[in-house]
Amino acid sequence: MSAAIKETTSMKLDKFEKDEAKKIFKQLGLTMGEAFNIFLHQVNLVKGIPFSVKIPNEITRKVIEEARQGINVDDFSIDELNETKKT
């Protein structure tokens, strides 16, 4: 296997998602760059995004739009959510 030529690039990423992902990569013994290279390798291997990406159906799109507008959304506390998970 030949040595890969490395290239520096810049991307605008969601800070929270990036920081959370970095924690996971660290546990896996990977740098952010190594993780992205794995992703790029998989994209090239499968000739597409290496996980399922689906367009939501009409009902799901409607629910998402309503949630964005605050329609049909009930306030709840974390405690209430945790209680729901127990039952």
PDB file of N, CA and C in Angstrom:
ATOM      1  N   MET A   1       0.859  -1.182   0.000  1.00  0.00           N
ATOM      2  CA  MET A   1       0.000   0.000   0.000  1.00  0.00           C
ATOM      3  C   MET A   1       0.895   1.232   0.000  1.00  0.00           C
ATOM      4  N   SER A   2       0.638   2.161  -0.884  1.00  0.00           N
ATOM      5  CA  SER A   2       1.457   3.363  -0.979  1.00  0.00           C
ATOM      6  C   SER A   2       1.069   4.365   0.102  1.00  0.00           C
ATOM      7  N   ALA A   3       2.035   5.235   0.433  1.00  0.00           N
ATOM      8  CA  ALA A   3       1.773   6.265   1.442  1.00  0.00           C
ATOM      9  C   ALA A   3       0.775   7.272   0.883  1.00  0.00           C
ATOM     10  N   ALA A   4      -0.246   7.570   1.669  1.00  0.00           N
ATOM     11  CA  ALA A   4      -1.275   8.519   1.242  1.00  0.00           C
ATOM     12  C   ALA A   4      -0.746   9.940   1.356  1.00  0.00           C
ATOM     13  N   ILE A   5      -1.075  10.746   0.394  1.00  0.00           N
ATOM     14  CA  ILE A   5      -0.736  12.162   0.455  1.00  0.00           C
ATOM     15  C   ILE A   5      -1.776  12.838   1.324  1.00  0.00           C
ATOM     16  N   LYS A   6      -1.334  13.544   2.324  1.00  0.00           N
ATOM     17  CA  LYS A   6      -2.251  14.225   3.246  1.00  0.00           C
ATOM     18  C   LYS A   6      -2.435  15.667   2.805  1.00  0.00           C
ATOM     19  N   GLU A   7      -3.627  16.184   3.024  1.00  0.00           N
ATOM     20  CA  GLU A   7      -3.968  17.542   2.631  1.00  0.00           C
ATOM     21  C   GLU A   7      -4.758  18.196   3.758  1.00  0.00           C
ATOM     22  N   THR A   8      -4.435  19.423   4.065  1.00  0.00           N
ATOM     23  CA  THR A   8      -5.173  20.168   5.074  1.00  0.00           C
ATOM     24  C   THR A   8      -6.391  20.793   4.416  1.00  0.00           C
ATOM     25  N   THR A   9      -7.515  20.732   5.130  1.00  0.00           N
ATOM     26  CA  THR A   9      -8.750  21.319   4.616  1.00  0.00           C
ATOM     27  C   THR A   9      -9.464  22.014   5.764  1.00  0.00           C
ATOM     28  N   SER A  10     -10.444  22.799   5.441  1.00  0.00           N
ATOM     29  CA  SER A  10     -11.213  23.450   6.504  1.00  0.00           C
ATOM     30  C   SER A  10     -12.690  23.263   6.216  1.00  0.00           C
ATOM     31  N   MET A  11     -13.456  23.038   7.297  1.00  0.00           N
ATOM     32  CA  MET A  11     -14.893  22.819   7.174  1.00  0.00           C
ATOM     33  C   MET A  11     -15.590  23.556   8.303  1.00  0.00           C
ATOM     34  N   LYS A  12     -16.795  23.986   8.079  1.00  0.00           N
ATOM     35  CA  LYS A  12     -17.615  24.569   9.137  1.00  0.00           C
ATOM     36  C   LYS A  12     -18.455  23.443   9.719  1.00  0.00           C
ATOM     37  N   LEU A  13     -18.243  23.153  11.009  1.00  0.00           N
ATOM     38  CA  LEU A  13     -18.926  22.059  11.687  1.00  0.00           C
ATOM     39  C   LEU A  13     -19.717  22.585  12.868  1.00  0.00           C
ATOM     40  N   ASP A  14     -20.778  21.891  13.203  1.00  0.00           N
ATOM     41  CA  ASP A  14     -21.524  22.194  14.409  1.00  0.00           C
ATOM     42  C   ASP A  14     -20.622  21.913  15.606  1.00  0.00           C
ATOM     43  N   LYS A  15     -20.367  22.924  16.439  1.00  0.00           N
ATOM     44  CA  LYS A  15     -19.404  22.799  17.527  1.00  0.00           C
ATOM     45  C   LYS A  15     -19.773  21.694  18.503  1.00  0.00           C
ATOM     46  N   PHE A  16     -21.030  21.635  18.921  1.00  0.00           N
ATOM     47  CA  PHE A  16     -21.440  20.621  19.886  1.00  0.00           C
ATOM     48  C   PHE A  16     -21.229  19.227  19.316  1.00  0.00           C
ATOM     49  N   GLU A  17     -21.694  19.006  18.087  1.00  0.00           N
ATOM     50  CA  GLU A  17     -21.566  17.683  17.464  1.00  0.00           C
ATOM     51  C   GLU A  17     -20.097  17.304  17.309  1.00  0.00           C
ATOM     52  N   LYS A  18     -19.275  18.273  16.904  1.00  0.00           N
ATOM     53  CA  LYS A  18     -17.845  18.002  16.742  1.00  0.00           C
ATOM     54  C   LYS A  18     -17.217  17.622  18.074  1.00  0.00           C
ATOM     55  N   ASP A  19     -17.508  18.380  19.121  1.00  0.00           N
ATOM     56  CA  ASP A  19     -16.922  18.110  20.434  1.00  0.00           C
ATOM     57  C   ASP A  19     -17.351  16.748  20.972  1.00  0.00           C
ATOM     58  N   GLU A  20     -18.625  16.400  20.784  1.00  0.00           N
ATOM     59  CA  GLU A  20     -19.115  15.099  21.244  1.00  0.00           C
ATOM     60  C   GLU A  20     -18.453  13.968  20.448  1.00  0.00           C
ATOM     61  N   ALA A  21     -18.334  14.157  19.140  1.00  0.00           N
ATOM     62  CA  ALA A  21     -17.711  13.137  18.298  1.00  0.00           C
ATOM     63  C   ALA A  21     -16.238  12.953  18.671  1.00  0.00           C
ATOM     64  N   LYS A  22     -15.561  14.053  18.981  1.00  0.00           N
ATOM     65  CA  LYS A  22     -14.148  13.957  19.368  1.00  0.00           C
ATOM     66  C   LYS A  22     -13.965  13.096  20.613  1.00  0.00           C
ATOM     67  N   LYS A  23     -14.900  13.166  21.547  1.00  0.00           N
ATOM     68  CA  LYS A  23     -14.831  12.331  22.751  1.00  0.00           C
ATOM     69  C   LYS A  23     -14.903  10.854  22.371  1.00  0.00           C
ATOM     70  N   ILE A  24     -15.794  10.547  21.440  1.00  0.00           N
ATOM     71  CA  ILE A  24     -15.951   9.160  21.001  1.00  0.00           C
ATOM     72  C   ILE A  24     -14.708   8.708  20.248  1.00  0.00           C
ATOM     73  N   PHE A  25     -14.209   9.548  19.352  1.00  0.00           N
ATOM     74  CA  PHE A  25     -13.003   9.195  18.602  1.00  0.00           C
ATOM     75  C   PHE A  25     -11.835   8.935  19.546  1.00  0.00           C
ATOM     76  N   LYS A  26     -11.732   9.752  20.588  1.00  0.00           N
ATOM     77  CA  LYS A  26     -10.646   9.572  21.563  1.00  0.00           C
ATOM     78  C   LYS A  26     -10.746   8.196  22.213  1.00  0.00           C
ATOM     79  N   GLN A  27     -11.964   7.795  22.591  1.00  0.00           N
ATOM     80  CA  GLN A  27     -12.154   6.472  23.188  1.00  0.00           C
ATOM     81  C   GLN A  27     -11.771   5.361  22.214  1.00  0.00           C
ATOM     82  N   LEU A  28     -11.941   5.626  20.934  1.00  0.00           N
ATOM     83  CA  LEU A  28     -11.590   4.654  19.903  1.00  0.00           C
ATOM     84  C   LEU A  28     -10.123   4.736  19.493  1.00  0.00           C
ATOM     85  N   GLY A  29      -9.406   5.705  20.055  1.00  0.00           N
ATOM     86  CA  GLY A  29      -7.998   5.876  19.721  1.00  0.00           C
ATOM     87  C   GLY A  29      -7.780   6.521  18.364  1.00  0.00           C
ATOM     88  N   LEU A  30      -8.741   7.346  17.952  1.00  0.00           N
ATOM     89  CA  LEU A  30      -8.672   8.007  16.644  1.00  0.00           C
ATOM     90  C   LEU A  30      -8.605   9.519  16.796  1.00  0.00           C
ATOM     91  N   THR A  31      -7.922  10.152  15.883  1.00  0.00           N
ATOM     92  CA  THR A  31      -7.991  11.606  15.788  1.00  0.00           C
ATOM     93  C   THR A  31      -9.178  11.967  14.901  1.00  0.00           C
ATOM     94  N   MET A  32      -9.551  13.222  14.915  1.00  0.00           N
ATOM     95  CA  MET A  32     -10.632  13.691  14.043  1.00  0.00           C
ATOM     96  C   MET A  32     -10.268  13.418  12.585  1.00  0.00           C
ATOM     97  N   GLY A  33      -9.041  13.690  12.219  1.00  0.00           N
ATOM     98  CA  GLY A  33      -8.595  13.456  10.842  1.00  0.00           C
ATOM     99  C   GLY A  33      -8.670  11.993  10.447  1.00  0.00           C
ATOM    100  N   GLU A  34      -8.257  11.099  11.342  1.00  0.00           N
ATOM    101  CA  GLU A  34      -8.325   9.661  11.050  1.00  0.00           C
ATOM    102  C   GLU A  34      -9.777   9.227  10.880  1.00  0.00           C
ATOM    103  N   ALA A  35     -10.653   9.728  11.736  1.00  0.00           N
ATOM    104  CA  ALA A  35     -12.071   9.375  11.646  1.00  0.00           C
ATOM    105  C   ALA A  35     -12.664   9.857  10.322  1.00  0.00           C
ATOM    106  N   PHE A  36     -12.330  11.069   9.913  1.00  0.00           N
ATOM    107  CA  PHE A  36     -12.843  11.578   8.638  1.00  0.00           C
ATOM    108  C   PHE A  36     -12.281  10.785   7.472  1.00  0.00           C
ATOM    109  N   ASN A  37     -11.019  10.368   7.572  1.00  0.00           N
ATOM    110  CA  ASN A  37     -10.445   9.549   6.507  1.00  0.00           C
ATOM    111  C   ASN A  37     -11.145   8.202   6.407  1.00  0.00           C
ATOM    112  N   ILE A  38     -11.540   7.617   7.542  1.00  0.00           N
ATOM    113  CA  ILE A  38     -12.313   6.369   7.519  1.00  0.00           C
ATOM    114  C   ILE A  38     -13.646   6.617   6.820  1.00  0.00           C
ATOM    115  N   PHE A  39     -14.306   7.726   7.185  1.00  0.00           N
ATOM    116  CA  PHE A  39     -15.576   8.066   6.546  1.00  0.00           C
ATOM    117  C   PHE A  39     -15.390   8.212   5.033  1.00  0.00           C
ATOM    118  N   LEU A  40     -14.366   8.969   4.608  1.00  0.00           N
ATOM    119  CA  LEU A  40     -14.134   9.176   3.181  1.00  0.00           C
ATOM    120  C   LEU A  40     -13.836   7.865   2.470  1.00  0.00           C
ATOM    121  N   HIS A  41     -13.068   6.998   3.122  1.00  0.00           N
ATOM    122  CA  HIS A  41     -12.770   5.687   2.537  1.00  0.00           C
ATOM    123  C   HIS A  41     -14.065   4.900   2.320  1.00  0.00           C
ATOM    124  N   GLN A  42     -14.958   4.917   3.302  1.00  0.00           N
ATOM    125  CA  GLN A  42     -16.223   4.202   3.183  1.00  0.00           C
ATOM    126  C   GLN A  42     -17.100   4.799   2.080  1.00  0.00           C
ATOM    127  N   VAL A  43     -17.115   6.130   1.964  1.00  0.00           N
ATOM    128  CA  VAL A  43     -17.865   6.783   0.877  1.00  0.00           C
ATOM    129  C   VAL A  43     -17.370   6.265  -0.466  1.00  0.00           C
ATOM    130  N   ASN A  44     -16.054   6.214  -0.635  1.00  0.00           N
ATOM    131  CA  ASN A  44     -15.484   5.742  -1.894  1.00  0.00           C
ATOM    132  C   ASN A  44     -15.748   4.252  -2.107  1.00  0.00           C
ATOM    133  N   LEU A  45     -15.704   3.465  -1.028  1.00  0.00           N
ATOM    134  CA  LEU A  45     -15.910   2.025  -1.127  1.00  0.00           C
ATOM    135  C   LEU A  45     -17.333   1.687  -1.555  1.00  0.00           C
ATOM    136  N   VAL A  46     -18.332   2.350  -0.940  1.00  0.00           N
ATOM    137  CA  VAL A  46     -19.736   2.040  -1.251  1.00  0.00           C
ATOM    138  C   VAL A  46     -20.322   2.950  -2.324  1.00  0.00           C
ATOM    139  N   LYS A  47     -19.523   3.916  -2.764  1.00  0.00           N
ATOM    140  CA  LYS A  47     -19.971   4.871  -3.799  1.00  0.00           C
ATOM    141  C   LYS A  47     -21.200   5.648  -3.356  1.00  0.00           C
ATOM    142  N   GLY A  48     -21.191   6.063  -2.100  1.00  0.00           N
ATOM    143  CA  GLY A  48     -22.298   6.834  -1.542  1.00  0.00           C
ATOM    144  C   GLY A  48     -22.068   7.048  -0.060  1.00  0.00           C
ATOM    145  N   ILE A  49     -23.038   7.613   0.598  1.00  0.00           N
ATOM    146  CA  ILE A  49     -22.952   7.823   2.039  1.00  0.00           C
ATOM    147  C   ILE A  49     -23.075   6.455   2.704  1.00  0.00           C
ATOM    148  N   PRO A  50     -22.152   6.120   3.614  1.00  0.00           N
ATOM    149  CA  PRO A  50     -22.096   4.755   4.148  1.00  0.00           C
ATOM    150  C   PRO A  50     -23.090   4.456   5.269  1.00  0.00           C
ATOM    151  N   PHE A  51     -24.197   5.140   5.280  1.00  0.00           N
ATOM    152  CA  PHE A  51     -25.275   4.861   6.221  1.00  0.00           C
ATOM    153  C   PHE A  51     -26.561   5.349   5.575  1.00  0.00           C
ATOM    154  N   SER A  52     -27.664   4.889   6.096  1.00  0.00           N
ATOM    155  CA  SER A  52     -28.950   5.193   5.499  1.00  0.00           C
ATOM    156  C   SER A  52     -29.332   6.662   5.719  1.00  0.00           C
ATOM    157  N   VAL A  53     -29.656   7.341   4.642  1.00  0.00           N
ATOM    158  CA  VAL A  53     -30.177   8.705   4.704  1.00  0.00           C
ATOM    159  C   VAL A  53     -31.488   8.684   3.933  1.00  0.00           C
ATOM    160  N   LYS A  54     -32.565   8.987   4.642  1.00  0.00           N
ATOM    161  CA  LYS A  54     -33.878   8.877   4.014  1.00  0.00           C
ATOM    162  C   LYS A  54     -34.605  10.208   4.034  1.00  0.00           C
ATOM    163  N   ILE A  55     -35.382  10.436   3.009  1.00  0.00           N
ATOM    164  CA  ILE A  55     -36.250  11.606   2.956  1.00  0.00           C
ATOM    165  C   ILE A  55     -37.500  11.254   3.750  1.00  0.00           C
ATOM    166  N   PRO A  56     -37.860  12.080   4.738  1.00  0.00           N
ATOM    167  CA  PRO A  56     -39.035  11.746   5.554  1.00  0.00           C
ATOM    168  C   PRO A  56     -40.312  11.755   4.726  1.00  0.00           C
ATOM    169  N   ASN A  57     -41.250  10.883   5.127  1.00  0.00           N
ATOM    170  CA  ASN A  57     -42.530  10.842   4.418  1.00  0.00           C
ATOM    171  C   ASN A  57     -43.354  12.080   4.773  1.00  0.00           C
ATOM    172  N   GLU A  58     -44.512  12.212   4.146  1.00  0.00           N
ATOM    173  CA  GLU A  58     -45.342  13.416   4.307  1.00  0.00           C
ATOM    174  C   GLU A  58     -45.744  13.656   5.762  1.00  0.00           C
ATOM    175  N   ILE A  59     -46.125  12.608   6.469  1.00  0.00           N
ATOM    176  CA  ILE A  59     -46.547  12.759   7.876  1.00  0.00           C
ATOM    177  C   ILE A  59     -45.374  13.235   8.732  1.00  0.00           C
ATOM    178  N   THR A  60     -44.215  12.616   8.543  1.00  0.00           N
ATOM    179  CA  THR A  60     -43.031  13.008   9.318  1.00  0.00           C
ATOM    180  C   THR A  60     -42.623  14.442   9.009  1.00  0.00           C
ATOM    181  N   ARG A  61     -42.677  14.829   7.721  1.00  0.00           N
ATOM    182  CA  ARG A  61     -42.347  16.221   7.350  1.00  0.00           C
ATOM    183  C   ARG A  61     -43.294  17.203   8.037  1.00  0.00           C
ATOM    184  N   LYS A  62     -44.585  16.855   8.099  1.00  0.00           N
ATOM    185  CA  LYS A  62     -45.575  17.723   8.741  1.00  0.00           C
ATOM    186  C   LYS A  62     -45.272  17.866  10.233  1.00  0.00           C
ATOM    187  N   VAL A  63     -44.963  16.763  10.893  1.00  0.00           N
ATOM    188  CA  VAL A  63     -44.653  16.797  12.326  1.00  0.00           C
ATOM    189  C   VAL A  63     -43.390  17.627  12.578  1.00  0.00           C
ATOM    190  N   ILE A  64     -42.376  17.450  11.745  1.00  0.00           N
ATOM    191  CA  ILE A  64     -41.131  18.227  11.893  1.00  0.00           C
ATOM    192  C   ILE A  64     -41.424  19.710  11.744  1.00  0.00           C
ATOM    193  N   GLU A  65     -42.187  20.072  10.720  1.00  0.00           N
ATOM    194  CA  GLU A  65     -42.513  21.487  10.489  1.00  0.00           C
ATOM    195  C   GLU A  65     -43.318  22.059  11.651  1.00  0.00           C
ATOM    196  N   GLU A  66     -44.289  21.301  12.158  1.00  0.00           N
ATOM    197  CA  GLU A  66     -45.072  21.768  13.302  1.00  0.00           C
ATOM    198  C   GLU A  66     -44.174  21.966  14.527  1.00  0.00           C
ATOM    199  N   ALA A  67     -43.273  21.048  14.752  1.00  0.00           N
ATOM    200  CA  ALA A  67     -42.364  21.168  15.897  1.00  0.00           C
ATOM    201  C   ALA A  67     -41.489  22.412  15.759  1.00  0.00           C
ATOM    202  N   ARG A  68     -41.019  22.691  14.558  1.00  0.00           N
ATOM    203  CA  ARG A  68     -40.202  23.895  14.332  1.00  0.00           C
ATOM    204  C   ARG A  68     -40.995  25.170  14.626  1.00  0.00           C
ATOM    205  N   GLN A  69     -42.312  25.105  14.376  1.00  0.00           N
ATOM    206  CA  GLN A  69     -43.175  26.262  14.619  1.00  0.00           C
ATOM    207  C   GLN A  69     -43.762  26.265  16.026  1.00  0.00           C
ATOM    208  N   GLY A  70     -43.455  25.236  16.807  1.00  0.00           N
ATOM    209  CA  GLY A  70     -43.975  25.153  18.166  1.00  0.00           C
ATOM    210  C   GLY A  70     -45.428  24.705  18.230  1.00  0.00           C
ATOM    211  N   ILE A  71     -45.921  24.100  17.169  1.00  0.00           N
ATOM    212  CA  ILE A  71     -47.304  23.629  17.109  1.00  0.00           C
ATOM    213  C   ILE A  71     -47.351  22.171  17.572  1.00  0.00           C
ATOM    214  N   ASN A  72     -48.373  21.840  18.395  1.00  0.00           N
ATOM    215  CA  ASN A  72     -48.559  20.474  18.893  1.00  0.00           C
ATOM    216  C   ASN A  72     -47.348  19.958  19.660  1.00  0.00           C
ATOM    217  N   VAL A  73     -46.673  20.851  20.358  1.00  0.00           N
ATOM    218  CA  VAL A  73     -45.509  20.461  21.154  1.00  0.00           C
ATOM    219  C   VAL A  73     -45.827  20.758  22.613  1.00  0.00           C
ATOM    220  N   ASP A  74     -45.760  19.740  23.436  1.00  0.00           N
ATOM    221  CA  ASP A  74     -46.006  19.904  24.864  1.00  0.00           C
ATOM    222  C   ASP A  74     -44.694  20.110  25.593  1.00  0.00           C
ATOM    223  N   ASP A  75     -44.711  21.007  26.575  1.00  0.00           N
ATOM    224  CA  ASP A  75     -43.546  21.165  27.439  1.00  0.00           C
ATOM    225  C   ASP A  75     -43.498  20.000  28.402  1.00  0.00           C
ATOM    226  N   PHE A  76     -42.323  19.531  28.695  1.00  0.00           N
ATOM    227  CA  PHE A  76     -42.150  18.473  29.680  1.00  0.00           C
ATOM    228  C   PHE A  76     -40.778  18.621  30.310  1.00  0.00           C
ATOM    229  N   SER A  77     -40.650  18.065  31.488  1.00  0.00           N
ATOM    230  CA  SER A  77     -39.375  18.141  32.192  1.00  0.00           C
ATOM    231  C   SER A  77     -38.585  16.860  31.940  1.00  0.00           C
ATOM    232  N   ILE A  78     -37.317  16.915  32.223  1.00  0.00           N
ATOM    233  CA  ILE A  78     -36.474  15.731  32.112  1.00  0.00           C
ATOM    234  C   ILE A  78     -36.996  14.640  33.047  1.00  0.00           C
ATOM    235  N   ASP A  79     -37.455  15.033  34.241  1.00  0.00           N
ATOM    236  CA  ASP A  79     -38.007  14.050  35.179  1.00  0.00           C
ATOM    237  C   ASP A  79     -39.211  13.328  34.574  1.00  0.00           C
ATOM    238  N   GLU A  80     -40.089  14.086  33.905  1.00  0.00           N
ATOM    239  CA  GLU A  80     -41.244  13.471  33.270  1.00  0.00           C
ATOM    240  C   GLU A  80     -40.807  12.503  32.161  1.00  0.00           C
ATOM    241  N   LEU A  81     -39.809  12.887  31.412  1.00  0.00           N
ATOM    242  CA  LEU A  81     -39.295  12.037  30.346  1.00  0.00           C
ATOM    243  C   LEU A  81     -38.712  10.755  30.930  1.00  0.00           C
ATOM    244  N   ASN A  82     -37.958  10.884  31.997  1.00  0.00           N
ATOM    245  CA  ASN A  82     -37.368   9.708  32.642  1.00  0.00           C
ATOM    246  C   ASN A  82     -38.446   8.786  33.209  1.00  0.00           C
ATOM    247  N   GLU A  83     -39.519   9.353  33.750  1.00  0.00           N
ATOM    248  CA  GLU A  83     -40.621   8.539  34.261  1.00  0.00           C
ATOM    249  C   GLU A  83     -41.283   7.770  33.127  1.00  0.00           C
ATOM    250  N   THR A  84     -41.425   8.397  31.975  1.00  0.00           N
ATOM    251  CA  THR A  84     -42.022   7.756  30.822  1.00  0.00           C
ATOM    252  C   THR A  84     -41.173   6.573  30.380  1.00  0.00           C
ATOM    253  N   LYS A  85     -39.859   6.708  30.453  1.00  0.00           N
ATOM    254  CA  LYS A  85     -38.961   5.632  30.041  1.00  0.00           C
ATOM    255  C   LYS A  85     -39.048   4.417  30.972  1.00  0.00           C
ATOM    256  N   LYS A  86     -39.417   4.651  32.252  1.00  0.00           N
ATOM    257  CA  LYS A  86     -39.485   3.570  33.234  1.00  0.00           C
ATOM    258  C   LYS A  86     -40.728   2.717  33.059  1.00  0.00           C
ATOM    259  N   THR A  87     -41.795   3.306  32.493  1.00  0.00           N
ATOM    260  CA  THR A  87     -43.057   2.555  32.377  1.00  0.00           C
ATOM    261  C   THR A  87     -43.138   1.776  31.099  1.00  0.00           C
TER     262      THR A  87
END
